[in-house]
PDB file of N, CA and C in Angstrom:
ATOM      1  N   SER A   1      -8.476  14.353 -10.372  1.00  0.00           N
ATOM      2  CA  SER A   1      -8.825  15.028  -9.179  1.00  0.00           C
ATOM      3  C   SER A   1      -8.265  14.019  -7.784  1.00  0.00           C
ATOM      4  N   TRP A   2      -8.115  14.704  -6.534  1.00  0.00           N
ATOM      5  CA  TRP A   2      -7.750  13.652  -5.494  1.00  0.00           C
ATOM      6  C   TRP A   2      -8.549  14.544  -4.112  1.00  0.00           C
ATOM      7  N   GLN A   3      -8.490  13.604  -3.507  1.00  0.00           N
ATOM      8  CA  GLN A   3      -8.976  14.083  -2.104  1.00  0.00           C
ATOM      9  C   GLN A   3      -8.000  14.904  -1.430  1.00  0.00           C
ATOM     10  N   THR A   4      -8.520  16.127  -0.700  1.00  0.00           N
ATOM     11  CA  THR A   4      -7.506  17.086  -0.092  1.00  0.00           C
ATOM     12  C   THR A   4      -7.846  16.979   1.455  1.00  0.00           C
ATOM     13  N   ASP A   5      -6.871  17.634   2.032  1.00  0.00           N
ATOM     14  CA  ASP A   5      -7.077  17.546   3.671  1.00  0.00           C
ATOM     15  C   ASP A   5      -6.630  18.796   4.177  1.00  0.00           C
ATOM     16  N   THR A   6      -6.918  19.036   5.354  1.00  0.00           N
ATOM     17  CA  THR A   6      -6.603  20.409   6.009  1.00  0.00           C
ATOM     18  C   THR A   6      -5.120  20.676   6.097  1.00  0.00           C
ATOM     19  N   GLY A   7      -4.327  19.449   6.229  1.00  0.00           N
ATOM     20  CA  GLY A   7      -2.957  19.567   6.193  1.00  0.00           C
ATOM     21  C   GLY A   7      -2.432  19.576   5.126  1.00  0.00           C
ATOM     22  N   CYS A   8      -2.828  19.238   3.866  1.00  0.00           N
ATOM     23  CA  CYS A   8      -2.010  19.132   2.503  1.00  0.00           C
ATOM     24  C   CYS A   8      -3.043  19.421   1.473  1.00  0.00           C
ATOM     25  N   ALA A   9      -2.400  20.320   0.535  1.00  0.00           N
ATOM     26  CA  ALA A   9      -3.111  20.656  -0.622  1.00  0.00           C
ATOM     27  C   ALA A   9      -3.368  19.560  -1.463  1.00  0.00           C
ATOM     28  N   LYS A  10      -2.235  18.589  -1.642  1.00  0.00           N
ATOM     29  CA  LYS A  10      -2.367  17.669  -2.608  1.00  0.00           C
ATOM     30  C   LYS A  10      -2.893  16.170  -2.239  1.00  0.00           C
ATOM     31  N   ARG A  11      -2.942  15.473  -3.006  1.00  0.00           N
ATOM     32  CA  ARG A  11      -3.412  13.883  -2.651  1.00  0.00           C
ATOM     33  C   ARG A  11      -2.739  13.329  -1.273  1.00  0.00           C
ATOM     34  N   THR A  12      -3.785  13.131  -0.478  1.00  0.00           N
ATOM     35  CA  THR A  12      -3.440  12.576   0.883  1.00  0.00           C
ATOM     36  C   THR A  12      -3.984  10.961   1.314  1.00  0.00           C
ATOM     37  N   VAL A  13      -4.499  10.457   0.412  1.00  0.00           N
ATOM     38  CA  VAL A  13      -5.057   9.237   0.841  1.00  0.00           C
ATOM     39  C   VAL A  13      -4.430   8.056   0.040  1.00  0.00           C
ATOM     40  N   ALA A  14      -3.636   7.343   1.149  1.00  0.00           N
ATOM     41  CA  ALA A  14      -3.137   6.101   0.738  1.00  0.00           C
ATOM     42  C   ALA A  14      -4.197   5.056   1.226  1.00  0.00           C
ATOM     43  N   ASP A  15      -4.934   4.267   0.180  1.00  0.00           N
ATOM     44  CA  ASP A  15      -5.824   3.447   0.771  1.00  0.00           C
ATOM     45  C   ASP A  15      -5.187   2.226   1.383  1.00  0.00           C
ATOM     46  N   VAL A  16      -4.259   1.477   1.082  1.00  0.00           N
ATOM     47  CA  VAL A  16      -3.507   0.138   1.506  1.00  0.00           C
ATOM     48  C   VAL A  16      -2.055   0.485   1.181  1.00  0.00           C
ATOM     49  N   SER A  17      -1.155  -0.440   2.003  1.00  0.00           N
ATOM     50  CA  SER A  17       0.237  -0.161   1.516  1.00  0.00           C
ATOM     51  C   SER A  17       0.916  -1.547   1.248  1.00  0.00           C
ATOM     52  N   ALA A  18       2.007  -1.436   0.875  1.00  0.00           N
ATOM     53  CA  ALA A  18       3.100  -2.657   0.771  1.00  0.00           C
ATOM     54  C   ALA A  18       4.490  -2.294   0.883  1.00  0.00           C
ATOM     55  N   VAL A  19       5.334  -3.185   1.168  1.00  0.00           N
ATOM     56  CA  VAL A  19       6.720  -3.046   1.324  1.00  0.00           C
ATOM     57  C   VAL A  19       7.062  -1.940   0.083  1.00  0.00           C
ATOM     58  N   ALA A  20       7.971  -0.918   0.709  1.00  0.00           N
ATOM     59  CA  ALA A  20       8.437  -0.008  -0.511  1.00  0.00           C
ATOM     60  C   ALA A  20       9.988   0.330  -0.156  1.00  0.00           C
ATOM     61  N   ASP A  21      10.465  -0.141   0.728  1.00  0.00           N
ATOM     62  CA  ASP A  21      11.874   0.094   1.228  1.00  0.00           C
ATOM     63  C   ASP A  21      12.727  -0.717   0.273  1.00  0.00           C
ATOM     64  N   PRO A  22      13.615   0.280  -0.548  1.00  0.00           N
ATOM     65  CA  PRO A  22      14.751  -0.604  -1.398  1.00  0.00           C
ATOM     66  C   PRO A  22      15.543  -1.409  -0.747  1.00  0.00           C
ATOM     67  N   ALA A  23      15.669  -1.114   0.610  1.00  0.00           N
ATOM     68  CA  ALA A  23      16.769  -2.020   1.342  1.00  0.00           C
ATOM     69  C   ALA A  23      16.112  -3.409   1.531  1.00  0.00           C
ATOM     70  N   THR A  24      14.717  -3.303   1.634  1.00  0.00           N
ATOM     71  CA  THR A  24      14.077  -4.811   2.040  1.00  0.00           C
ATOM     72  C   THR A  24      13.278  -5.063   0.750  1.00  0.00           C
ATOM     73  N   GLY A  25      13.597  -4.583  -0.292  1.00  0.00           N
ATOM     74  CA  GLY A  25      12.623  -4.736  -1.497  1.00  0.00           C
ATOM     75  C   GLY A  25      12.549  -6.057  -2.054  1.00  0.00           C
ATOM     76  N   VAL A  26      12.305  -6.081  -3.491  1.00  0.00           N
ATOM     77  CA  VAL A  26      12.334  -7.425  -4.143  1.00  0.00           C
ATOM     78  C   VAL A  26      13.439  -7.834  -5.086  1.00  0.00           C
ATOM     79  N   SER A  27      14.081  -8.931  -5.167  1.00  0.00           N
ATOM     80  CA  SER A  27      15.102  -9.136  -5.711  1.00  0.00           C
ATOM     81  C   SER A  27      14.639  -9.401  -7.318  1.00  0.00           C
ATOM     82  N   VAL A  28      15.511  -9.018  -8.211  1.00  0.00           N
ATOM     83  CA  VAL A  28      14.902  -9.399  -9.650  1.00  0.00           C
ATOM     84  C   VAL A  28      16.611  -9.747 -10.440  1.00  0.00           C
ATOM     85  N   TYR A  29      16.453 -10.869 -11.107  1.00  0.00           N
ATOM     86  CA  TYR A  29      17.713 -11.222 -11.693  1.00  0.00           C
ATOM     87  C   TYR A  29      17.619 -10.656 -13.111  1.00  0.00           C
ATOM     88  N   ASP A  30      18.533  -9.843 -13.560  1.00  0.00           N
ATOM     89  CA  ASP A  30      18.923  -9.285 -14.960  1.00  0.00           C
ATOM     90  C   ASP A  30      20.113  -9.908 -15.676  1.00  0.00           C
ATOM     91  N   SER A  31      19.699 -10.694 -16.575  1.00  0.00           N
ATOM     92  CA  SER A  31      20.677 -11.502 -17.387  1.00  0.00           C
ATOM     93  C   SER A  31      21.170 -10.899 -18.604  1.00  0.00           C
ATOM     94  N   TYR A  32      20.802  -9.629 -18.643  1.00  0.00           N
ATOM     95  CA  TYR A  32      21.223  -8.833 -19.954  1.00  0.00           C
ATOM     96  C   TYR A  32      22.574  -8.236 -19.878  1.00  0.00           C
ATOM     97  N   GLY A  33      23.438  -8.100 -20.710  1.00  0.00           N
ATOM     98  CA  GLY A  33      24.728  -7.423 -20.819  1.00  0.00           C
ATOM     99  C   GLY A  33      25.886  -7.907 -19.799  1.00  0.00           C
ATOM    100  N   VAL A  34      26.670  -7.095 -19.593  1.00  0.00           N
ATOM    101  CA  VAL A  34      27.787  -7.568 -18.927  1.00  0.00           C
ATOM    102  C   VAL A  34      27.586  -7.343 -17.464  1.00  0.00           C
ATOM    103  N   THR A  35      26.619  -6.446 -17.056  1.00  0.00           N
ATOM    104  CA  THR A  35      26.237  -6.443 -15.586  1.00  0.00           C
ATOM    105  C   THR A  35      25.081  -7.359 -15.059  1.00  0.00           C
ATOM    106  N   ALA A  36      25.099  -8.583 -15.640  1.00  0.00           N
ATOM    107  CA  ALA A  36      23.959  -9.540 -15.096  1.00  0.00           C
ATOM    108  C   ALA A  36      24.362  -9.730 -13.762  1.00  0.00           C
ATOM    109  N   GLY A  37      23.108  -9.939 -13.000  1.00  0.00           N
ATOM    110  CA  GLY A  37      22.953 -10.472 -11.668  1.00  0.00           C
ATOM    111  C   GLY A  37      21.648 -10.037 -11.107  1.00  0.00           C
ATOM    112  N   PHE A  38      21.792 -10.142  -9.730  1.00  0.00           N
ATOM    113  CA  PHE A  38      20.505  -9.668  -9.003  1.00  0.00           C
ATOM    114  C   PHE A  38      20.568  -8.244  -8.491  1.00  0.00           C
ATOM    115  N   TYR A  39      19.475  -7.539  -8.725  1.00  0.00           N
ATOM    116  CA  TYR A  39      19.269  -6.260  -8.261  1.00  0.00           C
ATOM    117  C   TYR A  39      18.127  -6.169  -7.371  1.00  0.00           C
ATOM    118  N   THR A  40      18.075  -5.354  -6.181  1.00  0.00           N
ATOM    119  CA  THR A  40      16.915  -5.203  -5.578  1.00  0.00           C
ATOM    120  C   THR A  40      16.337  -3.832  -5.705  1.00  0.00           C
ATOM    121  N   PHE A  41      14.839  -3.838  -5.755  1.00  0.00           N
ATOM    122  CA  PHE A  41      14.171  -2.709  -6.320  1.00  0.00           C
ATOM    123  C   PHE A  41      13.203  -2.635  -5.195  1.00  0.00           C
ATOM    124  N   GLY A  42      12.829  -1.110  -4.711  1.00  0.00           N
ATOM    125  CA  GLY A  42      11.866  -1.249  -3.844  1.00  0.00           C
ATOM    126  C   GLY A  42      10.831   0.338  -4.221  1.00  0.00           C
ATOM    127  N   GLY A  43      10.237   0.974  -3.407  1.00  0.00           N
ATOM    128  CA  GLY A  43       9.636   1.948  -3.574  1.00  0.00           C
ATOM    129  C   GLY A  43       8.085   1.520  -4.401  1.00  0.00           C
ATOM    130  N   THR A  44       7.526   2.504  -5.190  1.00  0.00           N
ATOM    131  CA  THR A  44       6.227   2.126  -5.819  1.00  0.00           C
ATOM    132  C   THR A  44       6.375   0.998  -6.904  1.00  0.00           C
ATOM    133  N   SER A  45       7.777   0.950  -7.493  1.00  0.00           N
ATOM    134  CA  SER A  45       7.963   0.040  -8.378  1.00  0.00           C
ATOM    135  C   SER A  45       7.952  -1.305  -8.005  1.00  0.00           C
ATOM    136  N   ALA A  46       7.720  -1.616  -6.688  1.00  0.00           N
ATOM    137  CA  ALA A  46       7.720  -2.832  -5.990  1.00  0.00           C
ATOM    138  C   ALA A  46       6.146  -3.029  -5.551  1.00  0.00           C
ATOM    139  N   SER A  47       5.858  -1.968  -4.882  1.00  0.00           N
ATOM    140  CA  SER A  47       4.654  -1.912  -3.936  1.00  0.00           C
ATOM    141  C   SER A  47       3.166  -1.893  -4.806  1.00  0.00           C
ATOM    142  N   SER A  48       3.168  -1.117  -6.082  1.00  0.00           N
ATOM    143  CA  SER A  48       2.282  -1.034  -6.781  1.00  0.00           C
ATOM    144  C   SER A  48       1.945  -2.197  -7.333  1.00  0.00           C
ATOM    145  N   PRO A  49       2.909  -3.080  -7.994  1.00  0.00           N
ATOM    146  CA  PRO A  49       2.483  -4.350  -8.559  1.00  0.00           C
ATOM    147  C   PRO A  49       2.049  -5.336  -7.681  1.00  0.00           C
ATOM    148  N   ILE A  50       2.800  -5.499  -6.396  1.00  0.00           N
ATOM    149  CA  ILE A  50       2.264  -6.220  -5.287  1.00  0.00           C
ATOM    150  C   ILE A  50       0.812  -6.259  -4.852  1.00  0.00           C
ATOM    151  N   ILE A  51       0.363  -4.946  -4.726  1.00  0.00           N
ATOM    152  CA  ILE A  51      -0.976  -4.703  -4.312  1.00  0.00           C
ATOM    153  C   ILE A  51      -1.985  -4.798  -5.758  1.00  0.00           C
ATOM    154  N   ALA A  52      -1.493  -4.573  -6.809  1.00  0.00           N
ATOM    155  CA  ALA A  52      -2.350  -4.869  -8.032  1.00  0.00           C
ATOM    156  C   ALA A  52      -2.432  -6.550  -8.096  1.00  0.00           C
ATOM    157  N   GLY A  53      -1.484  -7.255  -7.817  1.00  0.00           N
ATOM    158  CA  GLY A  53      -1.476  -8.584  -7.901  1.00  0.00           C
ATOM    159  C   GLY A  53      -2.425  -9.157  -7.031  1.00  0.00           C
ATOM    160  N   VAL A  54      -2.318  -8.678  -5.618  1.00  0.00           N
ATOM    161  CA  VAL A  54      -3.199  -9.254  -4.693  1.00  0.00           C
ATOM    162  C   VAL A  54      -4.675  -9.005  -4.922  1.00  0.00           C
ATOM    163  N   TYR A  55      -4.816  -7.655  -5.612  1.00  0.00           N
ATOM    164  CA  TYR A  55      -6.209  -7.247  -5.786  1.00  0.00           C
ATOM    165  C   TYR A  55      -6.971  -8.300  -6.871  1.00  0.00           C
ATOM    166  N   ALA A  56      -6.042  -8.522  -8.087  1.00  0.00           N
ATOM    167  CA  ALA A  56      -6.396  -9.302  -9.170  1.00  0.00           C
ATOM    168  C   ALA A  56      -6.538 -10.803  -8.627  1.00  0.00           C
ATOM    169  N   LEU A  57      -5.922 -11.338  -7.526  1.00  0.00           N
ATOM    170  CA  LEU A  57      -5.976 -12.614  -7.060  1.00  0.00           C
ATOM    171  C   LEU A  57      -7.361 -12.828  -6.241  1.00  0.00           C
ATOM    172  N   GLY A  58      -7.887 -11.660  -5.893  1.00  0.00           N
ATOM    173  CA  GLY A  58      -8.961 -11.554  -5.086  1.00  0.00           C
ATOM    174  C   GLY A  58     -10.360 -12.172  -6.081  1.00  0.00           C
ATOM    175  N   GLY A  59     -10.235 -11.886  -7.181  1.00  0.00           N
ATOM    176  CA  GLY A  59     -11.187 -12.402  -8.076  1.00  0.00           C
ATOM    177  C   GLY A  59     -12.086 -11.469  -8.735  1.00  0.00           C
ATOM    178  N   THR A  60     -13.086 -11.866  -9.479  1.00  0.00           N
ATOM    179  CA  THR A  60     -13.921 -10.899  -9.967  1.00  0.00           C
ATOM    180  C   THR A  60     -15.150 -10.532  -8.939  1.00  0.00           C
ATOM    181  N   PRO A  61     -15.247  -9.055  -8.735  1.00  0.00           N
ATOM    182  CA  PRO A  61     -16.104  -8.837  -7.617  1.00  0.00           C
ATOM    183  C   PRO A  61     -17.582  -9.060  -8.283  1.00  0.00           C
ATOM    184  N   SER A  62     -18.399  -9.316  -7.221  1.00  0.00           N
ATOM    185  CA  SER A  62     -19.752  -9.614  -7.389  1.00  0.00           C
ATOM    186  C   SER A  62     -20.543  -8.320  -8.106  1.00  0.00           C
ATOM    187  N   SER A  63     -21.441  -8.850  -8.943  1.00  0.00           N
ATOM    188  CA  SER A  63     -22.304  -7.677  -9.576  1.00  0.00           C
ATOM    189  C   SER A  63     -22.857  -6.726  -8.639  1.00  0.00           C
ATOM    190  N   GLY A  64     -22.634  -5.541  -8.747  1.00  0.00           N
ATOM    191  CA  GLY A  64     -23.246  -4.427  -8.241  1.00  0.00           C
ATOM    192  C   GLY A  64     -22.398  -4.037  -6.979  1.00  0.00           C
ATOM    193  N   SER A  65     -21.278  -4.559  -6.629  1.00  0.00           N
ATOM    194  CA  SER A  65     -20.340  -4.142  -5.657  1.00  0.00           C
ATOM    195  C   SER A  65     -19.453  -3.233  -5.996  1.00  0.00           C
ATOM    196  N   TYR A  66     -18.832  -2.558  -5.247  1.00  0.00           N
ATOM    197  CA  TYR A  66     -17.947  -1.277  -5.389  1.00  0.00           C
ATOM    198  C   TYR A  66     -16.596  -1.752  -4.802  1.00  0.00           C
ATOM    199  N   PRO A  67     -15.582  -2.388  -5.606  1.00  0.00           N
ATOM    200  CA  PRO A  67     -14.342  -3.025  -5.087  1.00  0.00           C
ATOM    201  C   PRO A  67     -13.458  -2.260  -4.404  1.00  0.00           C
ATOM    202  N   ALA A  68     -13.526  -0.775  -4.590  1.00  0.00           N
ATOM    203  CA  ALA A  68     -12.712   0.107  -4.010  1.00  0.00           C
ATOM    204  C   ALA A  68     -12.938   0.262  -2.683  1.00  0.00           C
ATOM    205  N   LYS A  69     -14.147  -0.007  -2.074  1.00  0.00           N
ATOM    206  CA  LYS A  69     -14.605   0.216  -0.789  1.00  0.00           C
ATOM    207  C   LYS A  69     -13.950  -1.180   0.061  1.00  0.00           C
ATOM    208  N   PHE A  70     -13.648  -2.324  -0.581  1.00  0.00           N
ATOM    209  CA  PHE A  70     -13.347  -3.430   0.209  1.00  0.00           C
ATOM    210  C   PHE A  70     -12.382  -3.152   1.422  1.00  0.00           C
ATOM    211  N   PRO A  71     -11.176  -2.567   0.845  1.00  0.00           N
ATOM    212  CA  PRO A  71     -10.226  -2.380   2.064  1.00  0.00           C
ATOM    213  C   PRO A  71     -10.763  -1.599   3.281  1.00  0.00           C
ATOM    214  N   TYR A  72     -11.393  -0.396   3.004  1.00  0.00           N
ATOM    215  CA  TYR A  72     -12.090   0.242   4.223  1.00  0.00           C
ATOM    216  C   TYR A  72     -12.965  -0.595   5.021  1.00  0.00           C
ATOM    217  N   ALA A  73     -13.820  -1.222   4.452  1.00  0.00           N
ATOM    218  CA  ALA A  73     -14.811  -2.075   5.183  1.00  0.00           C
ATOM    219  C   ALA A  73     -14.069  -3.317   5.916  1.00  0.00           C
ATOM    220  N   LYS A  74     -12.759  -3.568   5.526  1.00  0.00           N
ATOM    221  CA  LYS A  74     -12.067  -4.534   6.385  1.00  0.00           C
ATOM    222  C   LYS A  74     -11.188  -4.009   7.294  1.00  0.00           C
ATOM    223  N   ALA A  75     -10.999  -2.620   7.337  1.00  0.00           N
ATOM    224  CA  ALA A  75     -10.191  -1.921   8.322  1.00  0.00           C
ATOM    225  C   ALA A  75     -10.392  -2.364   9.760  1.00  0.00           C
ATOM    226  N   GLY A  76      -9.110  -2.618  10.392  1.00  0.00           N
ATOM    227  CA  GLY A  76      -9.217  -3.227  11.847  1.00  0.00           C
ATOM    228  C   GLY A  76      -9.654  -4.521  11.924  1.00  0.00           C
ATOM    229  N   THR A  77      -9.831  -5.352  10.834  1.00  0.00           N
ATOM    230  CA  THR A  77      -9.893  -7.002  11.053  1.00  0.00           C
ATOM    231  C   THR A  77      -8.550  -7.640  10.405  1.00  0.00           C
ATOM    232  N   ALA A  78      -8.584  -8.884  10.575  1.00  0.00           N
ATOM    233  CA  ALA A  78      -7.312  -9.840  10.353  1.00  0.00           C
ATOM    234  C   ALA A  78      -7.182  -9.573   8.860  1.00  0.00           C
ATOM    235  N   ALA A  79      -8.047  -9.061   7.912  1.00  0.00           N
ATOM    236  CA  ALA A  79      -7.748  -8.955   6.640  1.00  0.00           C
ATOM    237  C   ALA A  79      -6.496  -7.887   6.286  1.00  0.00           C
ATOM    238  N   LEU A  80      -6.391  -7.013   7.205  1.00  0.00           N
ATOM    239  CA  LEU A  80      -5.504  -6.038   7.085  1.00  0.00           C
ATOM    240  C   LEU A  80      -4.603  -5.837   8.191  1.00  0.00           C
ATOM    241  N   ASN A  81      -3.214  -5.700   8.024  1.00  0.00           N
ATOM    242  CA  ASN A  81      -2.169  -5.590   9.143  1.00  0.00           C
ATOM    243  C   ASN A  81      -1.996  -4.093   9.264  1.00  0.00           C
ATOM    244  N   ASP A  82      -2.501  -3.531  10.418  1.00  0.00           N
ATOM    245  CA  ASP A  82      -2.353  -2.132  10.605  1.00  0.00           C
ATOM    246  C   ASP A  82      -1.060  -1.757  11.084  1.00  0.00           C
ATOM    247  N   VAL A  83      -0.415  -0.902  10.253  1.00  0.00           N
ATOM    248  CA  VAL A  83       0.793  -0.414  10.493  1.00  0.00           C
ATOM    249  C   VAL A  83       1.048   0.720  11.522  1.00  0.00           C
ATOM    250  N   THR A  84       1.647   0.605  12.683  1.00  0.00           N
ATOM    251  CA  THR A  84       1.359   1.582  13.688  1.00  0.00           C
ATOM    252  C   THR A  84       2.774   2.260  14.137  1.00  0.00           C
ATOM    253  N   THR A  85       3.737   2.072  13.212  1.00  0.00           N
ATOM    254  CA  THR A  85       4.976   2.623  13.699  1.00  0.00           C
ATOM    255  C   THR A  85       5.861   3.032  12.474  1.00  0.00           C
ATOM    256  N   GLY A  86       6.591   4.036  12.536  1.00  0.00           N
ATOM    257  CA  GLY A  86       7.314   4.371  11.430  1.00  0.00           C
ATOM    258  C   GLY A  86       7.020   5.807  10.754  1.00  0.00           C
ATOM    259  N   SER A  87       7.837   6.363   9.947  1.00  0.00           N
ATOM    260  CA  SER A  87       7.571   7.706   9.582  1.00  0.00           C
ATOM    261  C   SER A  87       8.251   7.798   8.053  1.00  0.00           C
ATOM    262  N   ASN A  88       7.576   8.662   7.074  1.00  0.00           N
ATOM    263  CA  ASN A  88       8.167   8.708   6.174  1.00  0.00           C
ATOM    264  C   ASN A  88       8.594  10.377   5.727  1.00  0.00           C
ATOM    265  N   GLY A  89       8.968  10.971   7.107  1.00  0.00           N
ATOM    266  CA  GLY A  89       9.302  12.394   6.992  1.00  0.00           C
ATOM    267  C   GLY A  89       8.618  13.091   8.048  1.00  0.00           C
ATOM    268  N   THR A  90       8.485  14.598   7.779  1.00  0.00           N
ATOM    269  CA  THR A  90       7.858  15.604   8.663  1.00  0.00           C
ATOM    270  C   THR A  90       7.053  16.402   8.021  1.00  0.00           C
ATOM    271  N   CYS A  91       5.840  16.235   8.784  1.00  0.00           N
ATOM    272  CA  CYS A  91       4.713  17.198   8.231  1.00  0.00           C
ATOM    273  C   CYS A  91       4.071  18.105   9.172  1.00  0.00           C
ATOM    274  N   SER A  92       3.385  18.975   8.824  1.00  0.00           N
ATOM    275  CA  SER A  92       2.523  19.823   9.644  1.00  0.00           C
ATOM    276  C   SER A  92       1.493  19.311  10.365  1.00  0.00           C
ATOM    277  N   THR A  93       0.906  18.445   9.643  1.00  0.00           N
ATOM    278  CA  THR A  93      -0.157  17.364  10.337  1.00  0.00           C
ATOM    279  C   THR A  93       0.450  16.170  10.338  1.00  0.00           C
ATOM    280  N   SER A  94       0.707  15.626  11.393  1.00  0.00           N
ATOM    281  CA  SER A  94       1.624  14.379  11.652  1.00  0.00           C
ATOM    282  C   SER A  94       1.221  13.277  11.176  1.00  0.00           C
ATOM    283  N   TYR A  95      -0.234  13.103  10.959  1.00  0.00           N
ATOM    284  CA  TYR A  95      -0.751  11.758  10.503  1.00  0.00           C
ATOM    285  C   TYR A  95      -0.493  11.452   9.071  1.00  0.00           C
ATOM    286  N   LEU A  96      -0.185  12.643   8.506  1.00  0.00           N
ATOM    287  CA  LEU A  96       0.221  12.492   6.942  1.00  0.00           C
ATOM    288  C   LEU A  96       1.417  11.827   6.730  1.00  0.00           C
ATOM    289  N   CYS A  97       2.324  11.918   7.628  1.00  0.00           N
ATOM    290  CA  CYS A  97       3.831  11.276   7.575  1.00  0.00           C
ATOM    291  C   CYS A  97       4.130  10.222   8.530  1.00  0.00           C
ATOM    292  N   THR A  98       3.231   9.930   9.500  1.00  0.00           N
ATOM    293  CA  THR A  98       3.594   9.057  10.845  1.00  0.00           C
ATOM    294  C   THR A  98       2.591   8.069  10.585  1.00  0.00           C
ATOM    295  N   ALA A  99       2.949   6.866  10.797  1.00  0.00           N
ATOM    296  CA  ALA A  99       2.141   5.770  11.025  1.00  0.00           C
ATOM    297  C   ALA A  99       1.514   5.607  12.452  1.00  0.00           C
ATOM    298  N   ARG A 100       0.328   5.130  12.518  1.00  0.00           N
ATOM    299  CA  ARG A 100      -0.491   5.287  13.799  1.00  0.00           C
ATOM    300  C   ARG A 100      -1.647   4.172  13.485  1.00  0.00           C
ATOM    301  N   ALA A 101      -2.302   3.927  14.883  1.00  0.00           N
ATOM    302  CA  ALA A 101      -3.209   3.018  14.781  1.00  0.00           C
ATOM    303  C   ALA A 101      -4.388   3.605  13.947  1.00  0.00           C
ATOM    304  N   GLY A 102      -4.902   2.698  13.164  1.00  0.00           N
ATOM    305  CA  GLY A 102      -6.097   3.160  12.304  1.00  0.00           C
ATOM    306  C   GLY A 102      -5.479   3.741  10.970  1.00  0.00           C
ATOM    307  N   TYR A 103      -6.377   4.557  10.462  1.00  0.00           N
ATOM    308  CA  TYR A 103      -5.875   5.156   9.262  1.00  0.00           C
ATOM    309  C   TYR A 103      -4.776   6.303   9.301  1.00  0.00           C
ATOM    310  N   ASP A 104      -3.791   6.180   8.578  1.00  0.00           N
ATOM    311  CA  ASP A 104      -2.757   7.211   8.600  1.00  0.00           C
ATOM    312  C   ASP A 104      -2.312   7.370   7.028  1.00  0.00           C
ATOM    313  N   GLY A 105      -1.710   8.577   6.924  1.00  0.00           N
ATOM    314  CA  GLY A 105      -1.111   9.030   5.611  1.00  0.00           C
ATOM    315  C   GLY A 105      -0.185   8.183   4.690  1.00  0.00           C
ATOM    316  N   PRO A 106       0.828   7.523   5.431  1.00  0.00           N
ATOM    317  CA  PRO A 106       1.664   6.698   4.808  1.00  0.00           C
ATOM    318  C   PRO A 106       1.339   5.213   4.533  1.00  0.00           C
ATOM    319  N   THR A 107       0.530   4.739   5.355  1.00  0.00           N
ATOM    320  CA  THR A 107       0.172   3.322   4.998  1.00  0.00           C
ATOM    321  C   THR A 107      -1.259   3.080   4.869  1.00  0.00           C
ATOM    322  N   GLY A 108      -2.083   3.936   4.839  1.00  0.00           N
ATOM    323  CA  GLY A 108      -3.682   3.930   4.735  1.00  0.00           C
ATOM    324  C   GLY A 108      -4.264   3.170   5.769  1.00  0.00           C
ATOM    325  N   VAL A 109      -5.122   2.246   5.394  1.00  0.00           N
ATOM    326  CA  VAL A 109      -5.666   1.310   6.450  1.00  0.00           C
ATOM    327  C   VAL A 109      -4.935  -0.031   6.823  1.00  0.00           C
ATOM    328  N   GLY A 110      -3.650   0.108   6.161  1.00  0.00           N
ATOM    329  CA  GLY A 110      -2.679  -1.163   6.471  1.00  0.00           C
ATOM    330  C   GLY A 110      -2.252  -1.887   5.205  1.00  0.00           C
ATOM    331  N   THR A 111      -1.363  -2.922   5.492  1.00  0.00           N
ATOM    332  CA  THR A 111      -1.263  -3.961   4.431  1.00  0.00           C
ATOM    333  C   THR A 111      -1.828  -5.177   4.471  1.00  0.00           C
ATOM    334  N   PRO A 112      -2.197  -5.696   3.220  1.00  0.00           N
ATOM    335  CA  PRO A 112      -3.291  -6.792   3.023  1.00  0.00           C
ATOM    336  C   PRO A 112      -2.679  -8.120   3.537  1.00  0.00           C
ATOM    337  N   GLU A 113      -3.355  -8.918   4.341  1.00  0.00           N
ATOM    338  CA  GLU A 113      -2.953 -10.070   4.812  1.00  0.00           C
ATOM    339  C   GLU A 113      -3.522 -11.243   3.499  1.00  0.00           C
ATOM    340  N   GLY A 114      -3.167 -11.369   2.419  1.00  0.00           N
ATOM    341  CA  GLY A 114      -3.747 -12.022   1.597  1.00  0.00           C
ATOM    342  C   GLY A 114      -4.800 -11.415   0.948  1.00  0.00           C
ATOM    343  N   VAL A 115      -5.596 -12.137   0.155  1.00  0.00           N
ATOM    344  CA  VAL A 115      -6.758 -11.571  -0.921  1.00  0.00           C
ATOM    345  C   VAL A 115      -7.915 -11.359  -0.068  1.00  0.00           C
ATOM    346  N   SER A 116      -8.092 -11.577   1.265  1.00  0.00           N
ATOM    347  CA  SER A 116      -9.406 -11.230   1.982  1.00  0.00           C
ATOM    348  C   SER A 116      -9.678  -9.925   2.088  1.00  0.00           C
ATOM    349  N   ALA A 117      -8.793  -8.906   2.076  1.00  0.00           N
ATOM    350  CA  ALA A 117      -8.853  -7.457   2.195  1.00  0.00           C
ATOM    351  C   ALA A 117      -9.379  -6.919   0.973  1.00  0.00           C
ATOM    352  N   PHE A 118      -9.398  -7.903  -0.078  1.00  0.00           N
ATOM    353  CA  PHE A 118     -10.048  -7.178  -1.563  1.00  0.00           C
ATOM    354  C   PHE A 118     -11.084  -8.010  -2.022  1.00  0.00           C
ATOM    355  N   THR A 119     -11.947  -8.758  -1.327  1.00  0.00           N
ATOM    356  CA  THR A 119     -12.958  -9.580  -1.550  1.00  0.00           C
ATOM    357  C   THR A 119     -14.297  -9.020  -0.846  1.00  0.00           C
ATOM    358  N   GLY A 120     -15.514  -9.029  -1.675  1.00  0.00           N
ATOM    359  CA  GLY A 120     -16.660  -8.490  -0.826  1.00  0.00           C
ATOM    360  C   GLY A 120     -17.426  -9.407  -0.184  1.00  0.00           C
TER     361      GLY A 120
END
């Protein structure tokens, strides 16, 4: 199940964000076969492992804490970079597709500035 919103019947909550543009993605060297070389990947193939890695580097949460709330508690602080411009399309409810100050659909509460966004 997922959270729904008046502007969308599907999942609308992005908690945090990371680079996902294939044009500015991560470079990977593939040494296999005749097409060996560097390739650039983006999208959730890059952003999901980046966020998972930063979460892991945050360390073991303290007993009785709820780690999924950490980014929301840090929203608006130096722990998260609030993405305020850009769009990933057009929606009937603009905040679902357009970055703005505070929470928005494409970037959630922002991009982590290191592990402090994921510590309690």
